[in-house]
């Protein structure tokens, strides 16, 4: 075997090891969620299936670069601020976020209500921009939060136009009940999504938060696929049922404006 062949094999083995290490790091980071914000070493071992020594070594490295933080009691870990910093860089570079921002603000002013812009990560609606009209809040927010797709208007507006396989995956993962109005069965959700497609917009009538009424519309990308959604949310005493039809036209109009700005030309 000549030297060049041996070098290629060595390089390939090194690349494979690097990829395996990266996959292990991702496994650790993906253990954390909105519902499980702090985890112990043992809990992460259980979730990943990694040996304790391997998990400890990975978490020490992640802590060193700022991807993980450890609390004062030193028995719980949390995602670190470095990830938040990188996430904000991603948000600011997303065409959708940049192009949609003035339109989100316009919808906030026109409706006088909270506006959410979200993308779909395959399981949840990830809110990447929120505009709050309240004088007690900052004009805009870029904090990341997840919204369930089966019971929020922005989530249903996105989910309704996904493939059957994607929708079924959401159903199989379980439809958590948040209020008495939440849809928690697969057949009922499928029926709701069909209604959403027929009218072109989604409605959340106290399904995620009691007393909150929301109207959401899909945003299409260059290929015409629904990649995001936008919604208006307000107390049910401010957004009456009789207001939904007219409000939906405004929300759809702004959703289409965003789609046009990111390259969707029907």
C-alpha atoms as a PDB file:
ATOM      1  CA  UNK A   1       0.000   0.000   0.000  1.00  0.00           C
ATOM      2  CA  UNK A   2       1.529   3.323  -1.020  1.00  0.00           C
ATOM      3  CA  UNK A   3       1.814   6.343   1.247  1.00  0.00           C
ATOM      4  CA  UNK A   4      -0.950   8.341  -0.465  1.00  0.00           C
ATOM      5  CA  UNK A   5      -3.485   5.532  -0.012  1.00  0.00           C
ATOM      6  CA  UNK A   6      -2.592   5.142   3.647  1.00  0.00           C
ATOM      7  CA  UNK A   7      -2.883   8.914   4.140  1.00  0.00           C
ATOM      8  CA  UNK A   8      -6.350   8.920   2.535  1.00  0.00           C
ATOM      9  CA  UNK A   9      -7.537   6.132   4.804  1.00  0.00           C
ATOM     10  CA  UNK A  10      -6.176   7.864   7.879  1.00  0.00           C
ATOM     11  CA  UNK A  11      -7.856  11.113   6.858  1.00  0.00           C
ATOM     12  CA  UNK A  12     -11.147   9.294   6.261  1.00  0.00           C
ATOM     13  CA  UNK A  13     -10.999   7.642   9.683  1.00  0.00           C
ATOM     14  CA  UNK A  14     -10.341  11.037  11.244  1.00  0.00           C
ATOM     15  CA  UNK A  15     -13.336  12.557   9.471  1.00  0.00           C
ATOM     16  CA  UNK A  16     -15.562   9.699  10.628  1.00  0.00           C
ATOM     17  CA  UNK A  17     -14.446  10.175  14.233  1.00  0.00           C
ATOM     18  CA  UNK A  18     -15.079  13.928  14.038  1.00  0.00           C
ATOM     19  CA  UNK A  19     -18.575  13.305  12.683  1.00  0.00           C
ATOM     20  CA  UNK A  20     -19.316  10.809  15.452  1.00  0.00           C
ATOM     21  CA  UNK A  21     -18.169  13.339  18.049  1.00  0.00           C
ATOM     22  CA  UNK A  22     -20.406  16.022  16.555  1.00  0.00           C
ATOM     23  CA  UNK A  23     -23.372  13.654  16.540  1.00  0.00           C
ATOM     24  CA  UNK A  24     -22.779  12.896  20.223  1.00  0.00           C
ATOM     25  CA  UNK A  25     -22.670  16.611  21.016  1.00  0.00           C
ATOM     26  CA  UNK A  26     -25.965  17.115  19.180  1.00  0.00           C
ATOM     27  CA  UNK A  27     -27.510  14.225  21.117  1.00  0.00           C
ATOM     28  CA  UNK A  28     -26.586  15.949  24.381  1.00  0.00           C
ATOM     29  CA  UNK A  29     -27.874  19.386  23.334  1.00  0.00           C
ATOM     30  CA  UNK A  30     -31.133  17.938  22.013  1.00  0.00           C
ATOM     31  CA  UNK A  31     -31.893  16.486  25.451  1.00  0.00           C
ATOM     32  CA  UNK A  32     -32.923  19.981  26.565  1.00  0.00           C
ATOM     33  CA  UNK A  33     -36.308  21.468  25.743  1.00  0.00           C
ATOM     34  CA  UNK A  34     -38.734  24.140  26.903  1.00  0.00           C
ATOM     35  CA  UNK A  35     -40.221  21.614  29.326  1.00  0.00           C
ATOM     36  CA  UNK A  36     -36.855  20.203  30.450  1.00  0.00           C
ATOM     37  CA  UNK A  37     -34.632  23.226  30.830  1.00  0.00           C
ATOM     38  CA  UNK A  38     -32.311  21.813  33.505  1.00  0.00           C
ATOM     39  CA  UNK A  39     -30.967  18.260  33.531  1.00  0.00           C
ATOM     40  CA  UNK A  40     -28.513  16.328  35.684  1.00  0.00           C
ATOM     41  CA  UNK A  41     -25.663  14.221  34.353  1.00  0.00           C
ATOM     42  CA  UNK A  42     -27.610  11.045  35.154  1.00  0.00           C
ATOM     43  CA  UNK A  43     -30.686  12.299  33.300  1.00  0.00           C
ATOM     44  CA  UNK A  44     -28.636  13.079  30.204  1.00  0.00           C
ATOM     45  CA  UNK A  45     -26.988   9.652  30.388  1.00  0.00           C
ATOM     46  CA  UNK A  46     -30.453   8.084  30.475  1.00  0.00           C
ATOM     47  CA  UNK A  47     -31.651  10.150  27.506  1.00  0.00           C
ATOM     48  CA  UNK A  48     -28.589   9.605  25.307  1.00  0.00           C
ATOM     49  CA  UNK A  49     -27.641   6.103  26.372  1.00  0.00           C
ATOM     50  CA  UNK A  50     -24.000   7.224  26.591  1.00  0.00           C
ATOM     51  CA  UNK A  51     -21.685   5.913  29.352  1.00  0.00           C
ATOM     52  CA  UNK A  52     -21.325   8.266  32.300  1.00  0.00           C
ATOM     53  CA  UNK A  53     -17.640   8.944  31.563  1.00  0.00           C
ATOM     54  CA  UNK A  54     -18.355   9.824  27.924  1.00  0.00           C
ATOM     55  CA  UNK A  55     -21.285  12.076  28.873  1.00  0.00           C
ATOM     56  CA  UNK A  56     -19.263  13.857  31.542  1.00  0.00           C
ATOM     57  CA  UNK A  57     -16.421  14.495  29.083  1.00  0.00           C
ATOM     58  CA  UNK A  58     -18.810  15.873  26.431  1.00  0.00           C
ATOM     59  CA  UNK A  59     -20.583  18.126  28.904  1.00  0.00           C
ATOM     60  CA  UNK A  60     -17.297  19.455  30.277  1.00  0.00           C
ATOM     61  CA  UNK A  61     -16.278  20.428  26.738  1.00  0.00           C
ATOM     62  CA  UNK A  62     -19.658  22.034  26.027  1.00  0.00           C
ATOM     63  CA  UNK A  63     -19.460  23.963  29.292  1.00  0.00           C
ATOM     64  CA  UNK A  64     -15.971  25.194  28.425  1.00  0.00           C
ATOM     65  CA  UNK A  65     -17.116  26.736  25.114  1.00  0.00           C
ATOM     66  CA  UNK A  66     -20.293  28.212  26.641  1.00  0.00           C
ATOM     67  CA  UNK A  67     -22.837  25.855  25.112  1.00  0.00           C
ATOM     68  CA  UNK A  68     -23.806  24.602  28.583  1.00  0.00           C
ATOM     69  CA  UNK A  69     -24.031  26.298  31.975  1.00  0.00           C
ATOM     70  CA  UNK A  70     -24.018  24.599  35.361  1.00  0.00           C
ATOM     71  CA  UNK A  71     -26.075  25.864  38.281  1.00  0.00           C
ATOM     72  CA  UNK A  72     -24.721  26.732  41.703  1.00  0.00           C
ATOM     73  CA  UNK A  73     -25.579  23.335  43.188  1.00  0.00           C
ATOM     74  CA  UNK A  74     -23.516  21.822  40.330  1.00  0.00           C
ATOM     75  CA  UNK A  75     -25.965  18.984  39.784  1.00  0.00           C
ATOM     76  CA  UNK A  76     -27.996  20.526  36.956  1.00  0.00           C
ATOM     77  CA  UNK A  77     -26.986  21.760  33.522  1.00  0.00           C
ATOM     78  CA  UNK A  78     -28.726  24.251  31.233  1.00  0.00           C
ATOM     79  CA  UNK A  79     -28.161  25.425  27.681  1.00  0.00           C
ATOM     80  CA  UNK A  80     -25.626  28.245  27.673  1.00  0.00           C
ATOM     81  CA  UNK A  81     -25.861  31.841  26.516  1.00  0.00           C
ATOM     82  CA  UNK A  82     -23.433  31.155  23.680  1.00  0.00           C
ATOM     83  CA  UNK A  83     -26.188  29.219  21.911  1.00  0.00           C
ATOM     84  CA  UNK A  84     -28.523  32.180  22.370  1.00  0.00           C
ATOM     85  CA  UNK A  85     -25.916  34.495  20.835  1.00  0.00           C
ATOM     86  CA  UNK A  86     -25.471  32.198  17.849  1.00  0.00           C
ATOM     87  CA  UNK A  87     -29.239  31.828  17.531  1.00  0.00           C
ATOM     88  CA  UNK A  88     -29.636  35.584  17.322  1.00  0.00           C
ATOM     89  CA  UNK A  89     -27.016  35.709  14.569  1.00  0.00           C
ATOM     90  CA  UNK A  90     -28.990  33.076  12.655  1.00  0.00           C
ATOM     91  CA  UNK A  91     -32.215  35.034  13.137  1.00  0.00           C
ATOM     92  CA  UNK A  92     -30.703  38.277  11.919  1.00  0.00           C
ATOM     93  CA  UNK A  93     -29.376  36.520   8.823  1.00  0.00           C
ATOM     94  CA  UNK A  94     -32.587  34.732   7.967  1.00  0.00           C
ATOM     95  CA  UNK A  95     -34.162  36.304   4.896  1.00  0.00           C
ATOM     96  CA  UNK A  96     -37.582  35.616   6.367  1.00  0.00           C
ATOM     97  CA  UNK A  97     -36.868  37.399   9.622  1.00  0.00           C
ATOM     98  CA  UNK A  98     -35.260  40.391   7.934  1.00  0.00           C
ATOM     99  CA  UNK A  99     -37.874  40.814   5.223  1.00  0.00           C
ATOM    100  CA  UNK A 100     -40.852  40.140   7.474  1.00  0.00           C
ATOM    101  CA  UNK A 101     -39.953  42.523  10.274  1.00  0.00           C
ATOM    102  CA  UNK A 102     -41.518  45.722   8.839  1.00  0.00           C
ATOM    103  CA  UNK A 103     -44.597  43.784   7.742  1.00  0.00           C
ATOM    104  CA  UNK A 104     -45.029  42.292  11.207  1.00  0.00           C
ATOM    105  CA  UNK A 105     -44.845  45.815  12.615  1.00  0.00           C
ATOM    106  CA  UNK A 106     -47.420  47.010  10.079  1.00  0.00           C
ATOM    107  CA  UNK A 107     -49.827  44.235  11.060  1.00  0.00           C
ATOM    108  CA  UNK A 108     -49.337  45.077  14.726  1.00  0.00           C
ATOM    109  CA  UNK A 109     -50.264  48.708  14.089  1.00  0.00           C
ATOM    110  CA  UNK A 110     -53.279  47.846  11.921  1.00  0.00           C
ATOM    111  CA  UNK A 111     -54.699  45.232  14.285  1.00  0.00           C
ATOM    112  CA  UNK A 112     -53.641  46.752  17.591  1.00  0.00           C
ATOM    113  CA  UNK A 113     -52.916  43.207  18.774  1.00  0.00           C
ATOM    114  CA  UNK A 114     -49.945  40.924  19.412  1.00  0.00           C
ATOM    115  CA  UNK A 115     -48.386  39.513  16.226  1.00  0.00           C
ATOM    116  CA  UNK A 116     -46.317  36.329  16.002  1.00  0.00           C
ATOM    117  CA  UNK A 117     -44.107  35.171  13.140  1.00  0.00           C
ATOM    118  CA  UNK A 118     -43.111  31.498  13.273  1.00  0.00           C
ATOM    119  CA  UNK A 119     -41.310  28.852  11.268  1.00  0.00           C
ATOM    120  CA  UNK A 120     -41.830  25.081  11.396  1.00  0.00           C
ATOM    121  CA  UNK A 121     -39.103  22.795  12.737  1.00  0.00           C
ATOM    122  CA  UNK A 122     -40.945  19.588  11.894  1.00  0.00           C
ATOM    123  CA  UNK A 123     -42.625  19.350  15.274  1.00  0.00           C
ATOM    124  CA  UNK A 124     -43.353  22.814  16.650  1.00  0.00           C
ATOM    125  CA  UNK A 125     -43.921  26.346  15.437  1.00  0.00           C
ATOM    126  CA  UNK A 126     -40.786  28.247  16.440  1.00  0.00           C
ATOM    127  CA  UNK A 127     -41.646  31.901  17.055  1.00  0.00           C
ATOM    128  CA  UNK A 128     -38.787  33.966  15.610  1.00  0.00           C
ATOM    129  CA  UNK A 129     -40.385  37.391  15.930  1.00  0.00           C
ATOM    130  CA  UNK A 130     -43.058  38.848  18.169  1.00  0.00           C
ATOM    131  CA  UNK A 131     -44.502  42.372  18.107  1.00  0.00           C
ATOM    132  CA  UNK A 132     -46.436  43.577  21.140  1.00  0.00           C
ATOM    133  CA  UNK A 133     -48.540  46.761  20.885  1.00  0.00           C
ATOM    134  CA  UNK A 134     -48.655  47.229  24.648  1.00  0.00           C
ATOM    135  CA  UNK A 135     -46.833  50.380  25.801  1.00  0.00           C
ATOM    136  CA  UNK A 136     -45.492  48.365  28.743  1.00  0.00           C
ATOM    137  CA  UNK A 137     -43.454  46.162  26.417  1.00  0.00           C
ATOM    138  CA  UNK A 138     -40.584  46.758  24.049  1.00  0.00           C
ATOM    139  CA  UNK A 139     -41.750  47.389  20.473  1.00  0.00           C
ATOM    140  CA  UNK A 140     -40.362  44.101  19.189  1.00  0.00           C
ATOM    141  CA  UNK A 141     -38.932  40.884  20.472  1.00  0.00           C
ATOM    142  CA  UNK A 142     -36.675  38.242  18.972  1.00  0.00           C
ATOM    143  CA  UNK A 143     -36.780  35.759  21.841  1.00  0.00           C
ATOM    144  CA  UNK A 144     -37.224  32.201  20.615  1.00  0.00           C
ATOM    145  CA  UNK A 145     -40.156  30.152  21.864  1.00  0.00           C
ATOM    146  CA  UNK A 146     -41.985  27.072  20.683  1.00  0.00           C
ATOM    147  CA  UNK A 147     -45.715  27.013  20.003  1.00  0.00           C
ATOM    148  CA  UNK A 148     -47.632  23.733  19.617  1.00  0.00           C
ATOM    149  CA  UNK A 149     -48.830  23.333  16.032  1.00  0.00           C
ATOM    150  CA  UNK A 150     -52.091  21.551  16.862  1.00  0.00           C
ATOM    151  CA  UNK A 151     -53.684  24.278  18.971  1.00  0.00           C
ATOM    152  CA  UNK A 152     -52.271  27.670  17.948  1.00  0.00           C
ATOM    153  CA  UNK A 153     -53.436  29.572  14.895  1.00  0.00           C
ATOM    154  CA  UNK A 154     -49.888  30.191  13.646  1.00  0.00           C
ATOM    155  CA  UNK A 155     -49.110  26.493  14.117  1.00  0.00           C
ATOM    156  CA  UNK A 156     -52.234  25.217  12.383  1.00  0.00           C
ATOM    157  CA  UNK A 157     -51.708  27.722   9.559  1.00  0.00           C
ATOM    158  CA  UNK A 158     -48.351  26.045   8.883  1.00  0.00           C
ATOM    159  CA  UNK A 159     -49.309  22.438   9.612  1.00  0.00           C
ATOM    160  CA  UNK A 160     -52.392  22.428   7.375  1.00  0.00           C
ATOM    161  CA  UNK A 161     -50.233  22.631   4.248  1.00  0.00           C
ATOM    162  CA  UNK A 162     -47.629  20.044   5.231  1.00  0.00           C
ATOM    163  CA  UNK A 163     -47.538  16.508   3.837  1.00  0.00           C
ATOM    164  CA  UNK A 164     -49.728  13.753   5.264  1.00  0.00           C
ATOM    165  CA  UNK A 165     -46.611  12.071   6.671  1.00  0.00           C
ATOM    166  CA  UNK A 166     -45.577  15.217   8.572  1.00  0.00           C
ATOM    167  CA  UNK A 167     -49.083  15.738   9.948  1.00  0.00           C
ATOM    168  CA  UNK A 168     -49.284  12.110  11.034  1.00  0.00           C
ATOM    169  CA  UNK A 169     -45.922  12.419  12.770  1.00  0.00           C
ATOM    170  CA  UNK A 170     -47.286  15.340  14.810  1.00  0.00           C
ATOM    171  CA  UNK A 171     -50.374  13.305  15.726  1.00  0.00           C
ATOM    172  CA  UNK A 172     -48.303  10.249  16.675  1.00  0.00           C
ATOM    173  CA  UNK A 173     -46.154  12.393  18.979  1.00  0.00           C
ATOM    174  CA  UNK A 174     -49.292  13.146  21.012  1.00  0.00           C
ATOM    175  CA  UNK A 175     -51.669  16.116  21.081  1.00  0.00           C
ATOM    176  CA  UNK A 176     -51.337  17.673  24.495  1.00  0.00           C
ATOM    177  CA  UNK A 177     -54.399  19.326  25.993  1.00  0.00           C
ATOM    178  CA  UNK A 178     -53.869  22.887  27.222  1.00  0.00           C
ATOM    179  CA  UNK A 179     -57.484  23.956  27.769  1.00  0.00           C
ATOM    180  CA  UNK A 180     -60.946  22.420  27.490  1.00  0.00           C
ATOM    181  CA  UNK A 181     -60.998  23.624  23.877  1.00  0.00           C
ATOM    182  CA  UNK A 182     -57.757  21.940  22.757  1.00  0.00           C
ATOM    183  CA  UNK A 183     -58.063  19.382  19.972  1.00  0.00           C
ATOM    184  CA  UNK A 184     -56.487  16.200  21.337  1.00  0.00           C
ATOM    185  CA  UNK A 185     -57.557  13.527  18.820  1.00  0.00           C
ATOM    186  CA  UNK A 186     -56.080  12.813  15.405  1.00  0.00           C
ATOM    187  CA  UNK A 187     -59.375  12.700  13.460  1.00  0.00           C
ATOM    188  CA  UNK A 188     -60.523  16.004  14.984  1.00  0.00           C
ATOM    189  CA  UNK A 189     -57.221  17.660  14.081  1.00  0.00           C
ATOM    190  CA  UNK A 190     -57.390  16.385  10.511  1.00  0.00           C
ATOM    191  CA  UNK A 191     -60.892  17.832  10.214  1.00  0.00           C
ATOM    192  CA  UNK A 192     -59.709  21.163  11.619  1.00  0.00           C
ATOM    193  CA  UNK A 193     -56.777  21.301   9.194  1.00  0.00           C
ATOM    194  CA  UNK A 194     -59.116  20.633   6.270  1.00  0.00           C
ATOM    195  CA  UNK A 195     -61.278  23.585   7.368  1.00  0.00           C
ATOM    196  CA  UNK A 196     -58.122  25.685   7.578  1.00  0.00           C
ATOM    197  CA  UNK A 197     -57.133  24.823   4.011  1.00  0.00           C
ATOM    198  CA  UNK A 198     -60.630  25.567   2.701  1.00  0.00           C
ATOM    199  CA  UNK A 199     -60.864  29.038   4.214  1.00  0.00           C
ATOM    200  CA  UNK A 200     -57.173  29.908   3.872  1.00  0.00           C
ATOM    201  CA  UNK A 201     -56.553  30.781   7.522  1.00  0.00           C
ATOM    202  CA  UNK A 202     -56.482  29.152  10.959  1.00  0.00           C
ATOM    203  CA  UNK A 203     -58.277  30.052  14.181  1.00  0.00           C
ATOM    204  CA  UNK A 204     -57.311  29.405  17.800  1.00  0.00           C
ATOM    205  CA  UNK A 205     -60.337  30.060  20.007  1.00  0.00           C
ATOM    206  CA  UNK A 206     -58.985  29.534  23.506  1.00  0.00           C
ATOM    207  CA  UNK A 207     -57.298  26.265  22.507  1.00  0.00           C
ATOM    208  CA  UNK A 208     -53.831  27.139  23.781  1.00  0.00           C
ATOM    209  CA  UNK A 209     -54.594  29.820  26.367  1.00  0.00           C
ATOM    210  CA  UNK A 210     -58.026  30.425  27.912  1.00  0.00           C
ATOM    211  CA  UNK A 211     -59.685  33.622  26.746  1.00  0.00           C
ATOM    212  CA  UNK A 212     -57.226  34.187  23.891  1.00  0.00           C
ATOM    213  CA  UNK A 213     -58.443  34.306  20.288  1.00  0.00           C
ATOM    214  CA  UNK A 214     -55.978  34.171  17.377  1.00  0.00           C
ATOM    215  CA  UNK A 215     -56.093  34.218  13.586  1.00  0.00           C
ATOM    216  CA  UNK A 216     -53.154  32.871  11.569  1.00  0.00           C
ATOM    217  CA  UNK A 217     -52.225  32.582   7.896  1.00  0.00           C
ATOM    218  CA  UNK A 218     -49.555  30.596   6.011  1.00  0.00           C
ATOM    219  CA  UNK A 219     -46.449  32.113   4.415  1.00  0.00           C
ATOM    220  CA  UNK A 220     -45.094  30.494   1.252  1.00  0.00           C
ATOM    221  CA  UNK A 221     -41.478  30.444   0.113  1.00  0.00           C
ATOM    222  CA  UNK A 222     -39.972  30.542  -3.379  1.00  0.00           C
ATOM    223  CA  UNK A 223     -41.215  27.068  -4.326  1.00  0.00           C
ATOM    224  CA  UNK A 224     -44.723  27.734  -3.050  1.00  0.00           C
ATOM    225  CA  UNK A 225     -44.300  25.479  -0.028  1.00  0.00           C
ATOM    226  CA  UNK A 226     -45.614  26.795   3.290  1.00  0.00           C
ATOM    227  CA  UNK A 227     -42.509  27.500   5.375  1.00  0.00           C
ATOM    228  CA  UNK A 228     -43.864  29.852   8.037  1.00  0.00           C
ATOM    229  CA  UNK A 229     -46.942  31.511   9.466  1.00  0.00           C
ATOM    230  CA  UNK A 230     -48.075  34.788  10.944  1.00  0.00           C
ATOM    231  CA  UNK A 231     -50.853  35.404  13.448  1.00  0.00           C
ATOM    232  CA  UNK A 232     -52.726  38.080  15.356  1.00  0.00           C
ATOM    233  CA  UNK A 233     -53.617  37.309  18.971  1.00  0.00           C
ATOM    234  CA  UNK A 234     -55.802  39.126  21.446  1.00  0.00           C
ATOM    235  CA  UNK A 235     -58.303  38.682  24.283  1.00  0.00           C
ATOM    236  CA  UNK A 236     -61.610  37.240  23.133  1.00  0.00           C
ATOM    237  CA  UNK A 237     -63.389  40.368  24.402  1.00  0.00           C
ATOM    238  CA  UNK A 238     -61.322  42.433  21.951  1.00  0.00           C
ATOM    239  CA  UNK A 239     -61.424  40.017  19.002  1.00  0.00           C
ATOM    240  CA  UNK A 240     -65.047  38.957  18.653  1.00  0.00           C
ATOM    241  CA  UNK A 241     -66.101  35.923  16.636  1.00  0.00           C
ATOM    242  CA  UNK A 242     -67.817  38.325  14.242  1.00  0.00           C
ATOM    243  CA  UNK A 243     -64.469  40.063  13.655  1.00  0.00           C
ATOM    244  CA  UNK A 244     -62.608  36.944  12.527  1.00  0.00           C
ATOM    245  CA  UNK A 245     -63.625  37.025   8.850  1.00  0.00           C
ATOM    246  CA  UNK A 246     -62.472  40.609   8.288  1.00  0.00           C
ATOM    247  CA  UNK A 247     -59.372  40.188  10.430  1.00  0.00           C
ATOM    248  CA  UNK A 248     -58.394  37.081   8.475  1.00  0.00           C
ATOM    249  CA  UNK A 249     -58.265  39.139   5.247  1.00  0.00           C
ATOM    250  CA  UNK A 250     -55.770  41.512   6.848  1.00  0.00           C
ATOM    251  CA  UNK A 251     -53.633  38.656   8.198  1.00  0.00           C
ATOM    252  CA  UNK A 252     -53.655  36.821   4.847  1.00  0.00           C
ATOM    253  CA  UNK A 253     -52.707  40.033   3.037  1.00  0.00           C
ATOM    254  CA  UNK A 254     -49.680  40.542   5.269  1.00  0.00           C
ATOM    255  CA  UNK A 255     -48.707  36.852   4.983  1.00  0.00           C
ATOM    256  CA  UNK A 256     -48.772  37.208   1.194  1.00  0.00           C
ATOM    257  CA  UNK A 257     -46.659  40.371   1.391  1.00  0.00           C
ATOM    258  CA  UNK A 258     -43.992  38.474   3.324  1.00  0.00           C
ATOM    259  CA  UNK A 259     -44.137  35.594   0.851  1.00  0.00           C
ATOM    260  CA  UNK A 260     -43.667  38.014  -2.033  1.00  0.00           C
ATOM    261  CA  UNK A 261     -40.637  39.590  -0.362  1.00  0.00           C
ATOM    262  CA  UNK A 262     -38.912  36.229   0.108  1.00  0.00           C
ATOM    263  CA  UNK A 263     -39.521  35.164  -3.484  1.00  0.00           C
ATOM    264  CA  UNK A 264     -42.978  33.603  -3.740  1.00  0.00           C
ATOM    265  CA  UNK A 265     -44.655  34.807  -6.951  1.00  0.00           C
ATOM    266  CA  UNK A 266     -47.826  32.796  -7.635  1.00  0.00           C
END
